Structures are given as structure tokens and as C-alpha cells.
Amino acid sequence: MRNAKPGSSAAIIVGFSQLNAPFMGGTLVPAPNTVVAGLPLDASGVLVIGTTMPVGVPSGAQFWVQYWILDPAGPQGVSASKGLRGTTP
């Protein structure tokens, strides 16, 4: 994540299906199968995380990822990234 509110915190939402539901003045793209909150953004508004797919996830599986950031200037005090779709190799 980059170009977010510097020094804020974010949540990453990962889902195995696309939801596209209204949420806090935006659109929640992934179904929230996994949510990790409280991730700190640096003084430049950047967050870098790395991970690997769990063992057993089949090749060709699709997933969706989206960040939600605490941002007083955003609708209802948050801003969201675009939702991204990934496919496992």
C-alpha cells in the first residue's frame, strides 16, 4: 500500500469470493474471510507486508484483497484501496 494517510493504520481484508457490498461510505470488494487490522503505515503512508499462500491452496485459486485505512478526511472516517484479484500460480 502506498499514498495512504501517513502515520495512520490499516486493515487488510482477504476473501475467496467477491462481495462488492456497501461499507462505510465505500465498497467492500472481498468477502471478509480474513481480516488483519492495526497495521501501521509509515511516515510516508506506505505499508509493505509479505506472505505466502498456505499449503494446500490449489493452483488457479482466486482471491481478493483490499486495504481500509483510518482517515478522518474519508467518508465515515475511513478510506479504501481498490479491490485486487489474485490467482495462485
PDB file of N, CA and C in Angstrom:
ATOM      1  N   MET A   1       0.849  -1.145   0.000  1.00  0.00           N
ATOM      2  CA  MET A   1       0.000   0.000   0.000  1.00  0.00           C
ATOM      3  C   MET A   1       0.900   1.214   0.000  1.00  0.00           C
ATOM      4  N   ARG A   2       0.539   2.222  -0.779  1.00  0.00           N
ATOM      5  CA  ARG A   2       1.269   3.488  -0.765  1.00  0.00           C
ATOM      6  C   ARG A   2       0.289   4.617  -1.020  1.00  0.00           C
ATOM      7  N   ASN A   3       0.726   5.819  -0.751  1.00  0.00           N
ATOM      8  CA  ASN A   3      -0.101   7.024  -0.901  1.00  0.00           C
ATOM      9  C   ASN A   3      -1.307   7.041   0.032  1.00  0.00           C
ATOM     10  N   ALA A   4      -1.198   6.380   1.175  1.00  0.00           N
ATOM     11  CA  ALA A   4      -2.249   6.408   2.183  1.00  0.00           C
ATOM     12  C   ALA A   4      -1.935   7.530   3.185  1.00  0.00           C
ATOM     13  N   LYS A   5      -2.800   7.719   4.152  1.00  0.00           N
ATOM     14  CA  LYS A   5      -2.587   8.756   5.163  1.00  0.00           C
ATOM     15  C   LYS A   5      -1.348   8.405   5.989  1.00  0.00           C
ATOM     16  N   PRO A   6      -0.309   9.240   5.939  1.00  0.00           N
ATOM     17  CA  PRO A   6       0.926   8.967   6.679  1.00  0.00           C
ATOM     18  C   PRO A   6       0.674   8.781   8.177  1.00  0.00           C
ATOM     19  N   GLY A   7       1.321   7.760   8.743  1.00  0.00           N
ATOM     20  CA  GLY A   7       1.233   7.513  10.173  1.00  0.00           C
ATOM     21  C   GLY A   7      -0.076   6.905  10.648  1.00  0.00           C
ATOM     22  N   SER A   8      -0.980   6.593   9.751  1.00  0.00           N
ATOM     23  CA  SER A   8      -2.259   6.012  10.131  1.00  0.00           C
ATOM     24  C   SER A   8      -2.116   4.507  10.305  1.00  0.00           C
ATOM     25  N   SER A   9      -3.224   3.828  10.445  1.00  0.00           N
ATOM     26  CA  SER A   9      -3.199   2.360  10.478  1.00  0.00           C
ATOM     27  C   SER A   9      -4.215   1.830   9.486  1.00  0.00           C
ATOM     28  N   ALA A  10      -4.011   0.585   9.098  1.00  0.00           N
ATOM     29  CA  ALA A  10      -4.844  -0.010   8.058  1.00  0.00           C
ATOM     30  C   ALA A  10      -5.254  -1.417   8.465  1.00  0.00           C
ATOM     31  N   ALA A  11      -6.259  -1.898   7.779  1.00  0.00           N
ATOM     32  CA  ALA A  11      -6.667  -3.298   7.870  1.00  0.00           C
ATOM     33  C   ALA A  11      -6.592  -3.875   6.470  1.00  0.00           C
ATOM     34  N   ILE A  12      -6.152  -5.110   6.361  1.00  0.00           N
ATOM     35  CA  ILE A  12      -6.177  -5.806   5.082  1.00  0.00           C
ATOM     36  C   ILE A  12      -7.283  -6.851   5.165  1.00  0.00           C
ATOM     37  N   ILE A  13      -8.091  -6.894   4.124  1.00  0.00           N
ATOM     38  CA  ILE A  13      -9.195  -7.838   4.054  1.00  0.00           C
ATOM     39  C   ILE A  13      -8.931  -8.761   2.869  1.00  0.00           C
ATOM     40  N   VAL A  14      -8.971 -10.052   3.130  1.00  0.00           N
ATOM     41  CA  VAL A  14      -8.739 -11.059   2.094  1.00  0.00           C
ATOM     42  C   VAL A  14      -9.962 -11.955   2.038  1.00  0.00           C
ATOM     43  N   GLY A  15     -10.431 -12.212   0.825  1.00  0.00           N
ATOM     44  CA  GLY A  15     -11.584 -13.092   0.666  1.00  0.00           C
ATOM     45  C   GLY A  15     -11.420 -14.014  -0.520  1.00  0.00           C
ATOM     46  N   PHE A  16     -12.142 -15.122  -0.472  1.00  0.00           N
ATOM     47  CA  PHE A  16     -12.071 -16.095  -1.550  1.00  0.00           C
ATOM     48  C   PHE A  16     -13.255 -15.980  -2.497  1.00  0.00           C
ATOM     49  N   SER A  17     -14.010 -14.882  -2.339  1.00  0.00           N
ATOM     50  CA  SER A  17     -15.055 -14.528  -3.295  1.00  0.00           C
ATOM     51  C   SER A  17     -15.198 -13.012  -3.288  1.00  0.00           C
ATOM     52  N   GLN A  18     -15.815 -12.498  -4.326  1.00  0.00           N
ATOM     53  CA  GLN A  18     -16.014 -11.059  -4.478  1.00  0.00           C
ATOM     54  C   GLN A  18     -17.381 -10.704  -3.912  1.00  0.00           C
ATOM     55  N   LEU A  19     -17.415  -9.704  -3.023  1.00  0.00           N
ATOM     56  CA  LEU A  19     -18.656  -9.316  -2.349  1.00  0.00           C
ATOM     57  C   LEU A  19     -19.267  -8.053  -2.959  1.00  0.00           C
ATOM     58  N   ASN A  20     -18.451  -7.008  -3.133  1.00  0.00           N
ATOM     59  CA  ASN A  20     -18.916  -5.712  -3.662  1.00  0.00           C
ATOM     60  C   ASN A  20     -20.120  -5.167  -2.905  1.00  0.00           C
ATOM     61  N   ALA A  21     -19.992  -5.075  -1.583  1.00  0.00           N
ATOM     62  CA  ALA A  21     -21.080  -4.598  -0.731  1.00  0.00           C
ATOM     63  C   ALA A  21     -20.792  -3.179  -0.247  1.00  0.00           C
ATOM     64  N   PRO A  22     -21.841  -2.347  -0.094  1.00  0.00           N
ATOM     65  CA  PRO A  22     -21.643  -1.021   0.506  1.00  0.00           C
ATOM     66  C   PRO A  22     -21.084  -1.178   1.918  1.00  0.00           C
ATOM     67  N   PHE A  23     -20.079  -0.343   2.234  1.00  0.00           N
ATOM     68  CA  PHE A  23     -19.445  -0.439   3.549  1.00  0.00           C
ATOM     69  C   PHE A  23     -18.790   0.881   3.890  1.00  0.00           C
ATOM     70  N   MET A  24     -19.200   1.512   4.963  1.00  0.00           N
ATOM     71  CA  MET A  24     -18.603   2.732   5.500  1.00  0.00           C
ATOM     72  C   MET A  24     -18.356   3.809   4.428  1.00  0.00           C
ATOM     73  N   GLY A  25     -19.316   3.998   3.575  1.00  0.00           N
ATOM     74  CA  GLY A  25     -19.212   5.034   2.545  1.00  0.00           C
ATOM     75  C   GLY A  25     -18.428   4.616   1.321  1.00  0.00           C
ATOM     76  N   GLY A  26     -18.034   3.356   1.243  1.00  0.00           N
ATOM     77  CA  GLY A  26     -17.293   2.840   0.093  1.00  0.00           C
ATOM     78  C   GLY A  26     -17.856   1.493  -0.312  1.00  0.00           C
ATOM     79  N   THR A  27     -17.041   0.714  -0.980  1.00  0.00           N
ATOM     80  CA  THR A  27     -17.447  -0.621  -1.417  1.00  0.00           C
ATOM     81  C   THR A  27     -16.445  -1.642  -0.899  1.00  0.00           C
ATOM     82  N   LEU A  28     -16.939  -2.604  -0.138  1.00  0.00           N
ATOM     83  CA  LEU A  28     -16.112  -3.702   0.343  1.00  0.00           C
ATOM     84  C   LEU A  28     -16.071  -4.747  -0.767  1.00  0.00           C
ATOM     85  N   VAL A  29     -14.917  -4.891  -1.399  1.00  0.00           N
ATOM     86  CA  VAL A  29     -14.793  -5.774  -2.558  1.00  0.00           C
ATOM     87  C   VAL A  29     -14.700  -7.242  -2.161  1.00  0.00           C
ATOM     88  N   PRO A  30     -13.749  -7.654  -1.293  1.00  0.00           N
ATOM     89  CA  PRO A  30     -13.683  -9.082  -0.973  1.00  0.00           C
ATOM     90  C   PRO A  30     -14.689  -9.471   0.104  1.00  0.00           C
ATOM     91  N   ALA A  31     -15.166 -10.699   0.037  1.00  0.00           N
ATOM     92  CA  ALA A  31     -15.887 -11.260   1.181  1.00  0.00           C
ATOM     93  C   ALA A  31     -14.851 -11.359   2.309  1.00  0.00           C
ATOM     94  N   PRO A  32     -15.171 -10.917   3.507  1.00  0.00           N
ATOM     95  CA  PRO A  32     -14.152 -10.832   4.560  1.00  0.00           C
ATOM     96  C   PRO A  32     -13.857 -12.173   5.235  1.00  0.00           C
ATOM     97  N   ASN A  33     -13.160 -13.062   4.522  1.00  0.00           N
ATOM     98  CA  ASN A  33     -12.769 -14.344   5.108  1.00  0.00           C
ATOM     99  C   ASN A  33     -11.644 -14.180   6.122  1.00  0.00           C
ATOM    100  N   THR A  34     -10.714 -13.254   5.852  1.00  0.00           N
ATOM    101  CA  THR A  34      -9.613 -12.972   6.770  1.00  0.00           C
ATOM    102  C   THR A  34      -9.446 -11.464   6.879  1.00  0.00           C
ATOM    103  N   VAL A  35      -9.386 -10.962   8.105  1.00  0.00           N
ATOM    104  CA  VAL A  35      -9.180  -9.536   8.356  1.00  0.00           C
ATOM    105  C   VAL A  35      -8.036  -9.386   9.347  1.00  0.00           C
ATOM    106  N   VAL A  36      -7.042  -8.588   8.970  1.00  0.00           N
ATOM    107  CA  VAL A  36      -5.935  -8.274   9.876  1.00  0.00           C
ATOM    108  C   VAL A  36      -5.930  -6.756  10.031  1.00  0.00           C
ATOM    109  N   ALA A  37      -6.201  -6.282  11.234  1.00  0.00           N
ATOM    110  CA  ALA A  37      -6.321  -4.843  11.493  1.00  0.00           C
ATOM    111  C   ALA A  37      -5.133  -4.354  12.319  1.00  0.00           C
ATOM    112  N   GLY A  38      -5.018  -3.024  12.391  1.00  0.00           N
ATOM    113  CA  GLY A  38      -3.971  -2.409  13.200  1.00  0.00           C
ATOM    114  C   GLY A  38      -2.605  -2.410  12.561  1.00  0.00           C
ATOM    115  N   LEU A  39      -2.549  -2.505  11.240  1.00  0.00           N
ATOM    116  CA  LEU A  39      -1.264  -2.493  10.537  1.00  0.00           C
ATOM    117  C   LEU A  39      -0.781  -1.048  10.392  1.00  0.00           C
ATOM    118  N   PRO A  40       0.418  -0.731  10.879  1.00  0.00           N
ATOM    119  CA  PRO A  40       0.885   0.663  10.872  1.00  0.00           C
ATOM    120  C   PRO A  40       1.426   1.095   9.503  1.00  0.00           C
ATOM    121  N   LEU A  41       1.008   2.280   9.067  1.00  0.00           N
ATOM    122  CA  LEU A  41       1.585   2.900   7.876  1.00  0.00           C
ATOM    123  C   LEU A  41       2.744   3.781   8.327  1.00  0.00           C
ATOM    124  N   ASP A  42       3.779   3.860   7.513  1.00  0.00           N
ATOM    125  CA  ASP A  42       4.935   4.668   7.899  1.00  0.00           C
ATOM    126  C   ASP A  42       4.660   6.157   7.660  1.00  0.00           C
ATOM    127  N   ALA A  43       5.659   6.985   7.914  1.00  0.00           N
ATOM    128  CA  ALA A  43       5.519   8.439   7.802  1.00  0.00           C
ATOM    129  C   ALA A  43       5.283   8.896   6.368  1.00  0.00           C
ATOM    130  N   SER A  44       5.465   7.999   5.408  1.00  0.00           N
ATOM    131  CA  SER A  44       5.189   8.320   4.001  1.00  0.00           C
ATOM    132  C   SER A  44       3.855   7.755   3.527  1.00  0.00           C
ATOM    133  N   GLY A  45       3.105   7.090   4.409  1.00  0.00           N
ATOM    134  CA  GLY A  45       1.843   6.485   4.021  1.00  0.00           C
ATOM    135  C   GLY A  45       2.010   5.175   3.285  1.00  0.00           C
ATOM    136  N   VAL A  46       3.093   4.451   3.622  1.00  0.00           N
ATOM    137  CA  VAL A  46       3.409   3.185   2.951  1.00  0.00           C
ATOM    138  C   VAL A  46       3.289   2.029   3.947  1.00  0.00           C
ATOM    139  N   LEU A  47       2.779   0.911   3.471  1.00  0.00           N
ATOM    140  CA  LEU A  47       2.740  -0.321   4.237  1.00  0.00           C
ATOM    141  C   LEU A  47       3.195  -1.444   3.315  1.00  0.00           C
ATOM    142  N   VAL A  48       4.230  -2.156   3.746  1.00  0.00           N
ATOM    143  CA  VAL A  48       4.730  -3.288   2.974  1.00  0.00           C
ATOM    144  C   VAL A  48       4.595  -4.532   3.843  1.00  0.00           C
ATOM    145  N   ILE A  49       3.888  -5.524   3.333  1.00  0.00           N
ATOM    146  CA  ILE A  49       3.783  -6.798   4.039  1.00  0.00           C
ATOM    147  C   ILE A  49       4.099  -7.914   3.044  1.00  0.00           C
ATOM    148  N   GLY A  50       4.581  -9.000   3.559  1.00  0.00           N
ATOM    149  CA  GLY A  50       4.862 -10.151   2.714  1.00  0.00           C
ATOM    150  C   GLY A  50       4.244 -11.388   3.330  1.00  0.00           C
ATOM    151  N   THR A  51       3.838 -12.297   2.510  1.00  0.00           N
ATOM    152  CA  THR A  51       3.242 -13.526   2.993  1.00  0.00           C
ATOM    153  C   THR A  51       3.354 -14.600   1.920  1.00  0.00           C
ATOM    154  N   THR A  52       3.012 -15.778   2.266  1.00  0.00           N
ATOM    155  CA  THR A  52       2.948 -16.871   1.297  1.00  0.00           C
ATOM    156  C   THR A  52       1.572 -17.516   1.396  1.00  0.00           C
ATOM    157  N   MET A  53       1.168 -18.185   0.341  1.00  0.00           N
ATOM    158  CA  MET A  53      -0.103 -18.908   0.349  1.00  0.00           C
ATOM    159  C   MET A  53       0.016 -20.107   1.278  1.00  0.00           C
ATOM    160  N   PRO A  54      -1.020 -20.395   2.038  1.00  0.00           N
ATOM    161  CA  PRO A  54      -0.984 -21.584   2.892  1.00  0.00           C
ATOM    162  C   PRO A  54      -0.838 -22.858   2.053  1.00  0.00           C
ATOM    163  N   VAL A  55      -0.201 -23.846   2.639  1.00  0.00           N
ATOM    164  CA  VAL A  55      -0.037 -25.139   1.971  1.00  0.00           C
ATOM    165  C   VAL A  55      -1.424 -25.708   1.658  1.00  0.00           C
ATOM    166  N   GLY A  56      -1.558 -26.259   0.487  1.00  0.00           N
ATOM    167  CA  GLY A  56      -2.812 -26.907   0.118  1.00  0.00           C
ATOM    168  C   GLY A  56      -3.746 -26.058  -0.723  1.00  0.00           C
ATOM    169  N   VAL A  57      -3.436 -24.759  -0.878  1.00  0.00           N
ATOM    170  CA  VAL A  57      -4.286 -23.928  -1.742  1.00  0.00           C
ATOM    171  C   VAL A  57      -3.989 -24.343  -3.180  1.00  0.00           C
ATOM    172  N   PRO A  58      -5.002 -24.738  -3.930  1.00  0.00           N
ATOM    173  CA  PRO A  58      -4.759 -25.260  -5.277  1.00  0.00           C
ATOM    174  C   PRO A  58      -4.334 -24.188  -6.271  1.00  0.00           C
ATOM    175  N   SER A  59      -3.594 -24.611  -7.266  1.00  0.00           N
ATOM    176  CA  SER A  59      -3.208 -23.722  -8.358  1.00  0.00           C
ATOM    177  C   SER A  59      -4.461 -23.223  -9.059  1.00  0.00           C
ATOM    178  N   GLY A  60      -4.472 -21.953  -9.393  1.00  0.00           N
ATOM    179  CA  GLY A  60      -5.617 -21.360 -10.080  1.00  0.00           C
ATOM    180  C   GLY A  60      -6.690 -20.821  -9.155  1.00  0.00           C
ATOM    181  N   ALA A  61      -6.504 -20.950  -7.826  1.00  0.00           N
ATOM    182  CA  ALA A  61      -7.484 -20.410  -6.879  1.00  0.00           C
ATOM    183  C   ALA A  61      -7.455 -18.886  -6.930  1.00  0.00           C
ATOM    184  N   GLN A  62      -8.615 -18.269  -6.909  1.00  0.00           N
ATOM    185  CA  GLN A  62      -8.697 -16.808  -6.933  1.00  0.00           C
ATOM    186  C   GLN A  62      -8.977 -16.279  -5.532  1.00  0.00           C
ATOM    187  N   PHE A  63      -8.461 -15.084  -5.272  1.00  0.00           N
ATOM    188  CA  PHE A  63      -8.715 -14.401  -4.011  1.00  0.00           C
ATOM    189  C   PHE A  63      -8.752 -12.906  -4.275  1.00  0.00           C
ATOM    190  N   TRP A  64      -9.389 -12.163  -3.384  1.00  0.00           N
ATOM    191  CA  TRP A  64      -9.500 -10.708  -3.498  1.00  0.00           C
ATOM    192  C   TRP A  64      -8.894 -10.086  -2.254  1.00  0.00           C
ATOM    193  N   VAL A  65      -8.241  -8.940  -2.431  1.00  0.00           N
ATOM    194  CA  VAL A  65      -7.557  -8.236  -1.341  1.00  0.00           C
ATOM    195  C   VAL A  65      -7.937  -6.763  -1.403  1.00  0.00           C
ATOM    196  N   GLN A  66      -8.126  -6.154  -0.239  1.00  0.00           N
ATOM    197  CA  GLN A  66      -8.406  -4.720  -0.169  1.00  0.00           C
ATOM    198  C   GLN A  66      -7.915  -4.183   1.175  1.00  0.00           C
ATOM    199  N   TYR A  67      -7.392  -2.956   1.168  1.00  0.00           N
ATOM    200  CA  TYR A  67      -6.988  -2.268   2.389  1.00  0.00           C
ATOM    201  C   TYR A  67      -8.041  -1.229   2.759  1.00  0.00           C
ATOM    202  N   TRP A  68      -8.281  -1.078   4.049  1.00  0.00           N
ATOM    203  CA  TRP A  68      -9.103   0.002   4.596  1.00  0.00           C
ATOM    204  C   TRP A  68      -8.220   0.747   5.584  1.00  0.00           C
ATOM    205  N   ILE A  69      -8.207   2.091   5.458  1.00  0.00           N
ATOM    206  CA  ILE A  69      -7.287   2.938   6.204  1.00  0.00           C
ATOM    207  C   ILE A  69      -8.070   3.922   7.060  1.00  0.00           C
ATOM    208  N   LEU A  70      -7.642   4.100   8.310  1.00  0.00           N
ATOM    209  CA  LEU A  70      -8.237   5.160   9.135  1.00  0.00           C
ATOM    210  C   LEU A  70      -7.854   6.499   8.532  1.00  0.00           C
ATOM    211  N   ASP A  71      -8.851   7.300   8.190  1.00  0.00           N
ATOM    212  CA  ASP A  71      -8.605   8.569   7.504  1.00  0.00           C
ATOM    213  C   ASP A  71      -9.751   9.527   7.813  1.00  0.00           C
ATOM    214  N   PRO A  72      -9.517  10.514   8.691  1.00  0.00           N
ATOM    215  CA  PRO A  72     -10.588  11.439   9.059  1.00  0.00           C
ATOM    216  C   PRO A  72     -11.191  12.177   7.868  1.00  0.00           C
ATOM    217  N   ALA A  73     -10.463  12.312   6.770  1.00  0.00           N
ATOM    218  CA  ALA A  73     -10.988  13.009   5.595  1.00  0.00           C
ATOM    219  C   ALA A  73     -11.873  12.104   4.729  1.00  0.00           C
ATOM    220  N   GLY A  74     -11.866  10.811   4.992  1.00  0.00           N
ATOM    221  CA  GLY A  74     -12.663   9.876   4.190  1.00  0.00           C
ATOM    222  C   GLY A  74     -14.094   9.798   4.683  1.00  0.00           C
ATOM    223  N   PRO A  75     -14.958   9.242   3.853  1.00  0.00           N
ATOM    224  CA  PRO A  75     -16.347   9.056   4.297  1.00  0.00           C
ATOM    225  C   PRO A  75     -16.369   8.170   5.545  1.00  0.00           C
ATOM    226  N   GLN A  76     -17.067   8.569   6.541  1.00  0.00           N
ATOM    227  CA  GLN A  76     -17.201   7.832   7.808  1.00  0.00           C
ATOM    228  C   GLN A  76     -15.853   7.538   8.467  1.00  0.00           C
ATOM    229  N   GLY A  77     -14.830   8.369   8.190  1.00  0.00           N
ATOM    230  CA  GLY A  77     -13.538   8.270   8.864  1.00  0.00           C
ATOM    231  C   GLY A  77     -12.584   7.221   8.327  1.00  0.00           C
ATOM    232  N   VAL A  78     -12.903   6.647   7.170  1.00  0.00           N
ATOM    233  CA  VAL A  78     -12.010   5.657   6.555  1.00  0.00           C
ATOM    234  C   VAL A  78     -11.910   5.896   5.052  1.00  0.00           C
ATOM    235  N   SER A  79     -10.839   5.385   4.484  1.00  0.00           N
ATOM    236  CA  SER A  79     -10.670   5.350   3.026  1.00  0.00           C
ATOM    237  C   SER A  79     -10.299   3.916   2.668  1.00  0.00           C
ATOM    238  N   ALA A  80     -10.552   3.538   1.425  1.00  0.00           N
ATOM    239  CA  ALA A  80     -10.253   2.170   0.993  1.00  0.00           C
ATOM    240  C   ALA A  80      -9.426   2.180  -0.279  1.00  0.00           C
ATOM    241  N   SER A  81      -8.630   1.133  -0.437  1.00  0.00           N
ATOM    242  CA  SER A  81      -7.912   0.934  -1.692  1.00  0.00           C
ATOM    243  C   SER A  81      -8.872   0.306  -2.696  1.00  0.00           C
ATOM    244  N   LYS A  82      -8.417   0.186  -3.905  1.00  0.00           N
ATOM    245  CA  LYS A  82      -9.168  -0.604  -4.868  1.00  0.00           C
ATOM    246  C   LYS A  82      -9.098  -2.054  -4.436  1.00  0.00           C
ATOM    247  N   GLY A  83     -10.063  -2.838  -4.811  1.00  0.00           N
ATOM    248  CA  GLY A  83     -10.007  -4.272  -4.565  1.00  0.00           C
ATOM    249  C   GLY A  83      -9.208  -4.931  -5.674  1.00  0.00           C
ATOM    250  N   LEU A  84      -8.310  -5.819  -5.317  1.00  0.00           N
ATOM    251  CA  LEU A  84      -7.480  -6.507  -6.300  1.00  0.00           C
ATOM    252  C   LEU A  84      -7.771  -7.993  -6.284  1.00  0.00           C
ATOM    253  N   ARG A  85      -7.811  -8.599  -7.459  1.00  0.00           N
ATOM    254  CA  ARG A  85      -7.997 -10.043  -7.567  1.00  0.00           C
ATOM    255  C   ARG A  85      -6.656 -10.685  -7.878  1.00  0.00           C
ATOM    256  N   GLY A  86      -6.348 -11.755  -7.193  1.00  0.00           N
ATOM    257  CA  GLY A  86      -5.142 -12.520  -7.456  1.00  0.00           C
ATOM    258  C   GLY A  86      -5.505 -13.951  -7.808  1.00  0.00           C
ATOM    259  N   THR A  87      -4.583 -14.627  -8.458  1.00  0.00           N
ATOM    260  CA  THR A  87      -4.753 -16.042  -8.799  1.00  0.00           C
ATOM    261  C   THR A  87      -3.478 -16.766  -8.406  1.00  0.00           C
ATOM    262  N   THR A  88      -3.603 -17.871  -7.692  1.00  0.00           N
ATOM    263  CA  THR A  88      -2.408 -18.612  -7.297  1.00  0.00           C
ATOM    264  C   THR A  88      -1.775 -19.282  -8.507  1.00  0.00           C
ATOM    265  N   PRO A  89      -0.436 -19.363  -8.492  1.00  0.00           N
ATOM    266  CA  PRO A  89       0.240 -19.974  -9.649  1.00  0.00           C
ATOM    267  C   PRO A  89       0.011 -21.474  -9.729  1.00  0.00           C
TER     268      PRO A  89
END
